Amino acid sequence: MRLFPRRLAHGEEATLVEHLGELRARLLVSLAAVTLPALVLFVGFREPLVDWLIEPLPDDKTLMTLGVTEPFFTSLKVCFFAGLAIALPIVLYQLWAFLAPALEEHMQRTVALAALIGAALFTAGVVFAYFIVLPRALTFLTNFNEELFDVQIRASYYFSFVLVALLGMGLVFEMPIFVLTLVRLRILTAAQLRRNWRMGVVVVFVVAIALPTVDPVSLAFEVVPLLALYFLSVWLAGYMEKRLDIADERSPWAVE
């Protein structure tokens, strides 16, 4: 028996039962890839991991828990998300390996390259959020009107906020991959992106506002790199059209 399911070749035929069996195997591999590092982190490294996530919090603030089970389940949640982050390349590969046979070989290479770049962009987004955005956001939010409130921070809410902020910033840093995919499918063109750049700027501001760090200080730090990524995406779209000679291609889903 194979430890990992075999990836089908393009055009290779398989029965519905075989496809379902492959899907089941890949789901089990993905589940194991998330569970194992999460358990290892929970048993041996949960304290350093929790300390690392607390680091952006201002030094004069501490976390509190309410309830008997909250310390346990909060640590478990943190370790699970950390395990998911560690296993993300394996999970994405399992998804890709299941869907890849439907694409031609040259498209498979394109998607594989996009996945590698996307992983790097996601990591850059998480690093940017942790070192640049979160310290300033937490300082502003936890000290806002502190003369009127007894500011006490609940641990479960704090870690949910931090994890969602890191995940959200990592995802929005995927913007170039998303835009280039739409251009490659001819749903959008570089000319349309250049012509409607004002709308693109508005969308960038809306995305930045939608992130958990809603204070004006963090918003300013978020908008600048997102705008840079957007205009980089527009430039890369034009370069890709010239490189692949697809500027005149049309798709049935293209935007007029």
C-alpha atoms as a PDB file:
ATOM      1  CA  MET A   1       0.000   0.000   0.000  1.00  0.00           C
ATOM      2  CA  ARG A   2       1.199   3.516  -0.839  1.00  0.00           C
ATOM      3  CA  LEU A   3       1.736   5.930   2.012  1.00  0.00           C
ATOM      4  CA  PHE A   4       0.517   8.805  -0.183  1.00  0.00           C
ATOM      5  CA  PRO A   5      -2.027   8.619  -3.006  1.00  0.00           C
ATOM      6  CA  ARG A   6      -0.640   8.567  -6.539  1.00  0.00           C
ATOM      7  CA  ARG A   7      -1.151  11.698  -8.586  1.00  0.00           C
ATOM      8  CA  LEU A   8      -2.966  10.980 -11.840  1.00  0.00           C
ATOM      9  CA  ALA A   9      -1.495  12.128 -15.137  1.00  0.00           C
ATOM     10  CA  HIS A  10      -3.307  14.588 -17.377  1.00  0.00           C
ATOM     11  CA  GLY A  11      -6.045  12.800 -19.300  1.00  0.00           C
ATOM     12  CA  GLU A  12      -5.682   9.585 -17.298  1.00  0.00           C
ATOM     13  CA  GLU A  13      -9.061   7.980 -16.776  1.00  0.00           C
ATOM     14  CA  ALA A  14     -10.294   6.794 -13.389  1.00  0.00           C
ATOM     15  CA  THR A  15     -13.617   5.608 -12.041  1.00  0.00           C
ATOM     16  CA  LEU A  16     -15.752   7.594  -9.640  1.00  0.00           C
ATOM     17  CA  VAL A  17     -14.863   5.163  -6.855  1.00  0.00           C
ATOM     18  CA  GLU A  18     -11.152   5.673  -7.538  1.00  0.00           C
ATOM     19  CA  HIS A  19     -11.570   9.466  -7.466  1.00  0.00           C
ATOM     20  CA  LEU A  20     -13.462   9.271  -4.173  1.00  0.00           C
ATOM     21  CA  GLY A  21     -10.805   6.965  -2.750  1.00  0.00           C
ATOM     22  CA  GLU A  22      -8.061   9.402  -3.785  1.00  0.00           C
ATOM     23  CA  LEU A  23      -9.999  12.330  -2.263  1.00  0.00           C
ATOM     24  CA  ARG A  24     -10.448  10.420   0.988  1.00  0.00           C
ATOM     25  CA  ALA A  25      -6.748   9.566   1.139  1.00  0.00           C
ATOM     26  CA  ARG A  26      -5.700  13.156   0.481  1.00  0.00           C
ATOM     27  CA  LEU A  27      -8.065  14.454   3.166  1.00  0.00           C
ATOM     28  CA  LEU A  28      -6.574  12.000   5.658  1.00  0.00           C
ATOM     29  CA  VAL A  29      -3.045  13.060   4.715  1.00  0.00           C
ATOM     30  CA  SER A  30      -4.005  16.723   5.165  1.00  0.00           C
ATOM     31  CA  LEU A  31      -5.652  16.035   8.518  1.00  0.00           C
ATOM     32  CA  ALA A  32      -2.588  14.159   9.755  1.00  0.00           C
ATOM     33  CA  ALA A  33      -0.301  16.936   8.496  1.00  0.00           C
ATOM     34  CA  VAL A  34      -2.213  19.473  10.615  1.00  0.00           C
ATOM     35  CA  THR A  35      -2.793  17.302  13.679  1.00  0.00           C
ATOM     36  CA  LEU A  36       0.745  16.001  14.222  1.00  0.00           C
ATOM     37  CA  PRO A  37       2.557  19.365  14.429  1.00  0.00           C
ATOM     38  CA  ALA A  38      -0.325  20.788  16.479  1.00  0.00           C
ATOM     39  CA  LEU A  39       0.064  17.982  19.026  1.00  0.00           C
ATOM     40  CA  VAL A  40       3.850  18.378  19.104  1.00  0.00           C
ATOM     41  CA  LEU A  41       3.474  22.112  19.673  1.00  0.00           C
ATOM     42  CA  PHE A  42       0.854  21.609  22.376  1.00  0.00           C
ATOM     43  CA  VAL A  43       2.936  19.044  24.276  1.00  0.00           C
ATOM     44  CA  GLY A  44       6.371  20.634  24.022  1.00  0.00           C
ATOM     45  CA  PHE A  45       6.222  24.182  22.681  1.00  0.00           C
ATOM     46  CA  ARG A  46       2.917  25.798  23.637  1.00  0.00           C
ATOM     47  CA  GLU A  47       4.498  28.206  26.123  1.00  0.00           C
ATOM     48  CA  PRO A  48       7.083  29.647  23.670  1.00  0.00           C
ATOM     49  CA  LEU A  49       4.359  29.845  21.013  1.00  0.00           C
ATOM     50  CA  VAL A  50       1.975  31.703  23.317  1.00  0.00           C
ATOM     51  CA  ASP A  51       4.796  34.015  24.437  1.00  0.00           C
ATOM     52  CA  TRP A  52       5.616  34.742  20.785  1.00  0.00           C
ATOM     53  CA  LEU A  53       2.024  35.773  20.082  1.00  0.00           C
ATOM     54  CA  ILE A  54       1.881  37.909  23.229  1.00  0.00           C
ATOM     55  CA  GLU A  55       5.058  39.784  22.245  1.00  0.00           C
ATOM     56  CA  PRO A  56       3.252  42.513  20.182  1.00  0.00           C
ATOM     57  CA  LEU A  57       1.087  43.387  23.224  1.00  0.00           C
ATOM     58  CA  PRO A  58       2.241  46.521  25.114  1.00  0.00           C
ATOM     59  CA  ASP A  59       4.435  45.708  28.106  1.00  0.00           C
ATOM     60  CA  ASP A  60       1.997  47.246  30.602  1.00  0.00           C
ATOM     61  CA  LYS A  61      -0.881  44.982  29.508  1.00  0.00           C
ATOM     62  CA  THR A  62      -1.527  41.408  30.619  1.00  0.00           C
ATOM     63  CA  LEU A  63      -3.995  38.714  29.579  1.00  0.00           C
ATOM     64  CA  MET A  64      -6.693  37.193  31.752  1.00  0.00           C
ATOM     65  CA  THR A  65      -8.901  34.122  31.440  1.00  0.00           C
ATOM     66  CA  LEU A  66     -12.491  33.620  32.590  1.00  0.00           C
ATOM     67  CA  GLY A  67     -13.617  30.103  33.290  1.00  0.00           C
ATOM     68  CA  VAL A  68     -12.036  26.796  34.199  1.00  0.00           C
ATOM     69  CA  THR A  69     -11.468  25.486  30.661  1.00  0.00           C
ATOM     70  CA  GLU A  70     -10.384  28.684  28.918  1.00  0.00           C
ATOM     71  CA  PRO A  71      -6.610  28.299  29.515  1.00  0.00           C
ATOM     72  CA  PHE A  72      -6.667  24.769  28.060  1.00  0.00           C
ATOM     73  CA  PHE A  73      -8.842  25.478  25.015  1.00  0.00           C
ATOM     74  CA  THR A  74      -7.117  28.774  24.259  1.00  0.00           C
ATOM     75  CA  SER A  75      -3.714  27.041  24.167  1.00  0.00           C
ATOM     76  CA  LEU A  76      -5.219  24.246  22.072  1.00  0.00           C
ATOM     77  CA  LYS A  77      -6.638  26.751  19.569  1.00  0.00           C
ATOM     78  CA  VAL A  78      -3.302  28.524  19.237  1.00  0.00           C
ATOM     79  CA  CYS A  79      -1.456  25.247  18.636  1.00  0.00           C
ATOM     80  CA  PHE A  80      -4.057  24.108  16.093  1.00  0.00           C
ATOM     81  CA  PHE A  81      -3.686  27.272  14.007  1.00  0.00           C
ATOM     82  CA  ALA A  82       0.087  27.033  14.261  1.00  0.00           C
ATOM     83  CA  GLY A  83      -0.117  23.415  13.077  1.00  0.00           C
ATOM     84  CA  LEU A  84      -2.321  24.523  10.191  1.00  0.00           C
ATOM     85  CA  ALA A  85       0.231  27.169   9.204  1.00  0.00           C
ATOM     86  CA  ILE A  86       3.050  24.609   9.306  1.00  0.00           C
ATOM     87  CA  ALA A  87       1.048  22.062   7.314  1.00  0.00           C
ATOM     88  CA  LEU A  88      -0.328  24.562   4.801  1.00  0.00           C
ATOM     89  CA  PRO A  89       2.154  23.612   2.016  1.00  0.00           C
ATOM     90  CA  ILE A  90       1.200  19.934   2.393  1.00  0.00           C
ATOM     91  CA  VAL A  91      -2.524  20.718   2.458  1.00  0.00           C
ATOM     92  CA  LEU A  92      -2.254  22.912  -0.633  1.00  0.00           C
ATOM     93  CA  TYR A  93      -0.196  20.274  -2.416  1.00  0.00           C
ATOM     94  CA  GLN A  94      -2.832  17.628  -1.703  1.00  0.00           C
ATOM     95  CA  LEU A  95      -5.505  19.923  -3.130  1.00  0.00           C
ATOM     96  CA  TRP A  96      -3.335  20.706  -6.130  1.00  0.00           C
ATOM     97  CA  ALA A  97      -2.455  17.049  -6.751  1.00  0.00           C
ATOM     98  CA  PHE A  98      -6.157  16.155  -6.787  1.00  0.00           C
ATOM     99  CA  LEU A  99      -7.081  18.925  -9.252  1.00  0.00           C
ATOM    100  CA  ALA A 100      -3.929  18.939 -11.416  1.00  0.00           C
ATOM    101  CA  PRO A 101      -4.922  16.089 -13.795  1.00  0.00           C
ATOM    102  CA  ALA A 102      -7.681  18.330 -15.180  1.00  0.00           C
ATOM    103  CA  LEU A 103      -5.058  20.802 -16.464  1.00  0.00           C
ATOM    104  CA  GLU A 104      -2.581  20.468 -19.283  1.00  0.00           C
ATOM    105  CA  GLU A 105       1.098  20.073 -18.454  1.00  0.00           C
ATOM    106  CA  HIS A 106       2.091  23.678 -19.238  1.00  0.00           C
ATOM    107  CA  MET A 107      -0.767  24.978 -17.095  1.00  0.00           C
ATOM    108  CA  GLN A 108       0.331  22.696 -14.257  1.00  0.00           C
ATOM    109  CA  ARG A 109       3.785  24.266 -14.316  1.00  0.00           C
ATOM    110  CA  THR A 110       2.258  27.756 -14.283  1.00  0.00           C
ATOM    111  CA  VAL A 111       0.026  26.956 -11.308  1.00  0.00           C
ATOM    112  CA  ALA A 112       2.902  25.282  -9.443  1.00  0.00           C
ATOM    113  CA  LEU A 113       5.048  28.411  -9.875  1.00  0.00           C
ATOM    114  CA  ALA A 114       2.141  30.605  -8.767  1.00  0.00           C
ATOM    115  CA  ALA A 115       1.730  28.432  -5.653  1.00  0.00           C
ATOM    116  CA  LEU A 116       5.399  28.893  -4.712  1.00  0.00           C
ATOM    117  CA  ILE A 117       5.180  32.661  -5.168  1.00  0.00           C
ATOM    118  CA  GLY A 118       1.897  32.695  -3.259  1.00  0.00           C
ATOM    119  CA  ALA A 119       3.491  30.885  -0.313  1.00  0.00           C
ATOM    120  CA  ALA A 120       6.291  33.473  -0.219  1.00  0.00           C
ATOM    121  CA  LEU A 121       3.781  36.341  -0.383  1.00  0.00           C
ATOM    122  CA  PHE A 122       1.675  34.793   2.398  1.00  0.00           C
ATOM    123  CA  THR A 123       4.754  34.505   4.614  1.00  0.00           C
ATOM    124  CA  ALA A 124       5.693  38.104   3.857  1.00  0.00           C
ATOM    125  CA  GLY A 125       2.196  39.227   4.833  1.00  0.00           C
ATOM    126  CA  VAL A 126       2.326  37.382   8.159  1.00  0.00           C
ATOM    127  CA  VAL A 127       5.783  38.799   8.960  1.00  0.00           C
ATOM    128  CA  PHE A 128       4.646  42.314   8.026  1.00  0.00           C
ATOM    129  CA  ALA A 129       1.550  42.020  10.221  1.00  0.00           C
ATOM    130  CA  TYR A 130       3.489  40.657  13.204  1.00  0.00           C
ATOM    131  CA  PHE A 131       6.377  43.139  13.216  1.00  0.00           C
ATOM    132  CA  ILE A 132       4.784  46.286  11.759  1.00  0.00           C
ATOM    133  CA  VAL A 133       0.995  46.299  12.072  1.00  0.00           C
ATOM    134  CA  LEU A 134       0.152  44.421  15.277  1.00  0.00           C
ATOM    135  CA  PRO A 135       2.423  46.315  17.731  1.00  0.00           C
ATOM    136  CA  ARG A 136       1.013  49.662  16.615  1.00  0.00           C
ATOM    137  CA  ALA A 137      -2.575  48.427  16.407  1.00  0.00           C
ATOM    138  CA  LEU A 138      -2.494  46.843  19.860  1.00  0.00           C
ATOM    139  CA  THR A 139      -0.841  49.891  21.423  1.00  0.00           C
ATOM    140  CA  PHE A 140      -3.500  52.193  19.977  1.00  0.00           C
ATOM    141  CA  LEU A 141      -6.488  49.967  20.727  1.00  0.00           C
ATOM    142  CA  THR A 142      -5.565  48.898  24.256  1.00  0.00           C
ATOM    143  CA  ASN A 143      -4.681  52.444  25.342  1.00  0.00           C
ATOM    144  CA  PHE A 144      -7.643  54.177  23.725  1.00  0.00           C
ATOM    145  CA  ASN A 145      -9.671  56.046  26.372  1.00  0.00           C
ATOM    146  CA  GLU A 146      -7.859  54.123  29.105  1.00  0.00           C
ATOM    147  CA  GLU A 147      -8.646  56.933  31.542  1.00  0.00           C
ATOM    148  CA  LEU A 148     -12.346  56.019  31.165  1.00  0.00           C
ATOM    149  CA  PHE A 149     -12.093  52.220  31.237  1.00  0.00           C
ATOM    150  CA  ASP A 150     -10.472  49.530  33.305  1.00  0.00           C
ATOM    151  CA  VAL A 151      -8.772  47.831  30.347  1.00  0.00           C
ATOM    152  CA  GLN A 152      -8.584  44.070  30.872  1.00  0.00           C
ATOM    153  CA  ILE A 153      -7.812  41.818  27.931  1.00  0.00           C
ATOM    154  CA  ARG A 154      -9.338  38.365  27.745  1.00  0.00           C
ATOM    155  CA  ALA A 155      -6.879  35.784  26.426  1.00  0.00           C
ATOM    156  CA  SER A 156      -9.282  33.969  24.085  1.00  0.00           C
ATOM    157  CA  TYR A 157     -10.355  37.231  22.411  1.00  0.00           C
ATOM    158  CA  TYR A 158      -6.776  38.452  22.142  1.00  0.00           C
ATOM    159  CA  PHE A 159      -5.492  35.340  20.397  1.00  0.00           C
ATOM    160  CA  SER A 160      -8.506  35.259  18.070  1.00  0.00           C
ATOM    161  CA  PHE A 161      -7.761  38.878  17.115  1.00  0.00           C
ATOM    162  CA  VAL A 162      -4.055  38.223  16.545  1.00  0.00           C
ATOM    163  CA  LEU A 163      -4.562  34.993  14.580  1.00  0.00           C
ATOM    164  CA  VAL A 164      -7.223  36.522  12.327  1.00  0.00           C
ATOM    165  CA  ALA A 165      -5.039  39.594  11.749  1.00  0.00           C
ATOM    166  CA  LEU A 166      -2.035  37.462  10.776  1.00  0.00           C
ATOM    167  CA  LEU A 167      -4.143  35.240   8.526  1.00  0.00           C
ATOM    168  CA  GLY A 168      -5.942  38.190   6.933  1.00  0.00           C
ATOM    169  CA  MET A 169      -2.745  40.075   6.146  1.00  0.00           C
ATOM    170  CA  GLY A 170      -1.181  36.917   4.728  1.00  0.00           C
ATOM    171  CA  LEU A 171      -4.178  36.429   2.428  1.00  0.00           C
ATOM    172  CA  VAL A 172      -4.342  40.029   1.185  1.00  0.00           C
ATOM    173  CA  PHE A 173      -0.659  39.819   0.283  1.00  0.00           C
ATOM    174  CA  GLU A 174      -1.768  37.184  -2.247  1.00  0.00           C
ATOM    175  CA  MET A 175      -3.260  39.992  -4.350  1.00  0.00           C
ATOM    176  CA  PRO A 176      -0.702  39.743  -7.203  1.00  0.00           C
ATOM    177  CA  ILE A 177      -1.411  36.029  -7.617  1.00  0.00           C
ATOM    178  CA  PHE A 178      -5.175  36.646  -7.651  1.00  0.00           C
ATOM    179  CA  VAL A 179      -4.918  39.463 -10.208  1.00  0.00           C
ATOM    180  CA  LEU A 180      -2.509  37.571 -12.471  1.00  0.00           C
ATOM    181  CA  THR A 181      -4.771  34.515 -12.393  1.00  0.00           C
ATOM    182  CA  LEU A 182      -7.710  36.618 -13.601  1.00  0.00           C
ATOM    183  CA  VAL A 183      -5.514  38.076 -16.339  1.00  0.00           C
ATOM    184  CA  ARG A 184      -4.236  34.657 -17.384  1.00  0.00           C
ATOM    185  CA  LEU A 185      -7.832  33.405 -17.649  1.00  0.00           C
ATOM    186  CA  ARG A 186      -8.634  36.559 -19.676  1.00  0.00           C
ATOM    187  CA  ILE A 187     -11.347  37.593 -17.238  1.00  0.00           C
ATOM    188  CA  LEU A 188      -9.419  40.853 -16.872  1.00  0.00           C
ATOM    189  CA  THR A 189      -6.777  42.522 -18.994  1.00  0.00           C
ATOM    190  CA  ALA A 190      -3.859  44.774 -18.122  1.00  0.00           C
ATOM    191  CA  ALA A 191      -5.498  47.593 -20.104  1.00  0.00           C
ATOM    192  CA  GLN A 192      -8.657  47.332 -17.988  1.00  0.00           C
ATOM    193  CA  LEU A 193      -6.615  47.380 -14.792  1.00  0.00           C
ATOM    194  CA  ARG A 194      -4.741  50.488 -15.905  1.00  0.00           C
ATOM    195  CA  ARG A 195      -7.930  52.216 -17.056  1.00  0.00           C
ATOM    196  CA  ASN A 196      -9.776  51.486 -13.787  1.00  0.00           C
ATOM    197  CA  TRP A 197      -6.915  52.085 -11.369  1.00  0.00           C
ATOM    198  CA  ARG A 198      -9.041  54.452  -9.240  1.00  0.00           C
ATOM    199  CA  MET A 199     -11.539  51.666  -8.603  1.00  0.00           C
ATOM    200  CA  GLY A 200      -8.619  49.414  -7.689  1.00  0.00           C
ATOM    201  CA  VAL A 201      -7.426  51.945  -5.119  1.00  0.00           C
ATOM    202  CA  VAL A 202     -10.921  52.079  -3.604  1.00  0.00           C
ATOM    203  CA  VAL A 203     -11.005  48.275  -3.373  1.00  0.00           C
ATOM    204  CA  VAL A 204      -7.596  48.299  -1.636  1.00  0.00           C
ATOM    205  CA  PHE A 205      -8.898  50.765   0.973  1.00  0.00           C
ATOM    206  CA  VAL A 206     -12.031  48.664   1.521  1.00  0.00           C
ATOM    207  CA  VAL A 207      -9.928  45.522   2.033  1.00  0.00           C
ATOM    208  CA  ALA A 208      -7.635  47.339   4.487  1.00  0.00           C
ATOM    209  CA  ILE A 209     -10.643  48.613   6.447  1.00  0.00           C
ATOM    210  CA  ALA A 210     -12.125  45.100   6.535  1.00  0.00           C
ATOM    211  CA  LEU A 211      -9.060  43.724   8.330  1.00  0.00           C
ATOM    212  CA  PRO A 212      -9.333  43.327  12.139  1.00  0.00           C
ATOM    213  CA  THR A 213      -6.870  46.151  12.830  1.00  0.00           C
ATOM    214  CA  VAL A 214      -9.326  48.981  12.215  1.00  0.00           C
ATOM    215  CA  ASP A 215      -7.519  51.862  13.910  1.00  0.00           C
ATOM    216  CA  PRO A 216      -6.231  54.718  11.704  1.00  0.00           C
ATOM    217  CA  VAL A 217      -2.583  54.088  12.560  1.00  0.00           C
ATOM    218  CA  SER A 218      -2.675  50.475  11.401  1.00  0.00           C
ATOM    219  CA  LEU A 219      -4.809  51.408   8.400  1.00  0.00           C
ATOM    220  CA  ALA A 220      -2.077  53.722   7.160  1.00  0.00           C
ATOM    221  CA  PHE A 221       0.566  51.000   7.544  1.00  0.00           C
ATOM    222  CA  GLU A 222      -1.658  48.486   5.736  1.00  0.00           C
ATOM    223  CA  VAL A 223      -2.709  50.662   2.802  1.00  0.00           C
ATOM    224  CA  VAL A 224       0.806  51.568   1.657  1.00  0.00           C
ATOM    225  CA  PRO A 225       2.057  47.997   0.968  1.00  0.00           C
ATOM    226  CA  LEU A 226      -1.330  46.968  -0.441  1.00  0.00           C
ATOM    227  CA  LEU A 227      -1.267  49.836  -2.924  1.00  0.00           C
ATOM    228  CA  ALA A 228       2.294  48.900  -3.859  1.00  0.00           C
ATOM    229  CA  LEU A 229       1.196  45.293  -4.423  1.00  0.00           C
ATOM    230  CA  TYR A 230      -1.765  46.426  -6.517  1.00  0.00           C
ATOM    231  CA  PHE A 231       0.290  48.585  -8.872  1.00  0.00           C
ATOM    232  CA  LEU A 232       2.926  45.858  -9.038  1.00  0.00           C
ATOM    233  CA  SER A 233       0.135  43.474 -10.077  1.00  0.00           C
ATOM    234  CA  VAL A 234      -0.929  45.853 -12.870  1.00  0.00           C
ATOM    235  CA  TRP A 235       2.640  46.059 -14.165  1.00  0.00           C
ATOM    236  CA  LEU A 236       3.117  42.289 -13.951  1.00  0.00           C
ATOM    237  CA  ALA A 237      -0.168  41.755 -15.807  1.00  0.00           C
ATOM    238  CA  GLY A 238       1.096  43.805 -18.739  1.00  0.00           C
ATOM    239  CA  TYR A 239       4.443  42.025 -18.680  1.00  0.00           C
ATOM    240  CA  MET A 240       2.742  38.619 -18.621  1.00  0.00           C
ATOM    241  CA  GLU A 241       0.511  39.515 -21.570  1.00  0.00           C
ATOM    242  CA  LYS A 242       3.542  40.508 -23.636  1.00  0.00           C
ATOM    243  CA  ARG A 243       5.555  37.475 -22.545  1.00  0.00           C
ATOM    244  CA  LEU A 244       2.769  34.994 -23.324  1.00  0.00           C
ATOM    245  CA  ASP A 245       1.385  36.992 -26.278  1.00  0.00           C
ATOM    246  CA  ILE A 246      -2.171  36.818 -24.931  1.00  0.00           C
ATOM    247  CA  ALA A 247      -3.121  40.490 -25.087  1.00  0.00           C
ATOM    248  CA  ASP A 248      -5.696  39.849 -27.843  1.00  0.00           C
ATOM    249  CA  GLU A 249      -7.145  36.632 -26.427  1.00  0.00           C
ATOM    250  CA  ARG A 250     -10.703  36.702 -25.171  1.00  0.00           C
ATOM    251  CA  SER A 251     -12.497  34.522 -22.653  1.00  0.00           C
ATOM    252  CA  PRO A 252     -16.232  33.866 -22.510  1.00  0.00           C
ATOM    253  CA  TRP A 253     -16.108  35.186 -18.925  1.00  0.00           C
ATOM    254  CA  ALA A 254     -14.221  38.352 -19.842  1.00  0.00           C
ATOM    255  CA  VAL A 255     -15.355  41.648 -18.349  1.00  0.00           C
ATOM    256  CA  GLU A 256     -16.436  44.204 -20.951  1.00  0.00           C
END
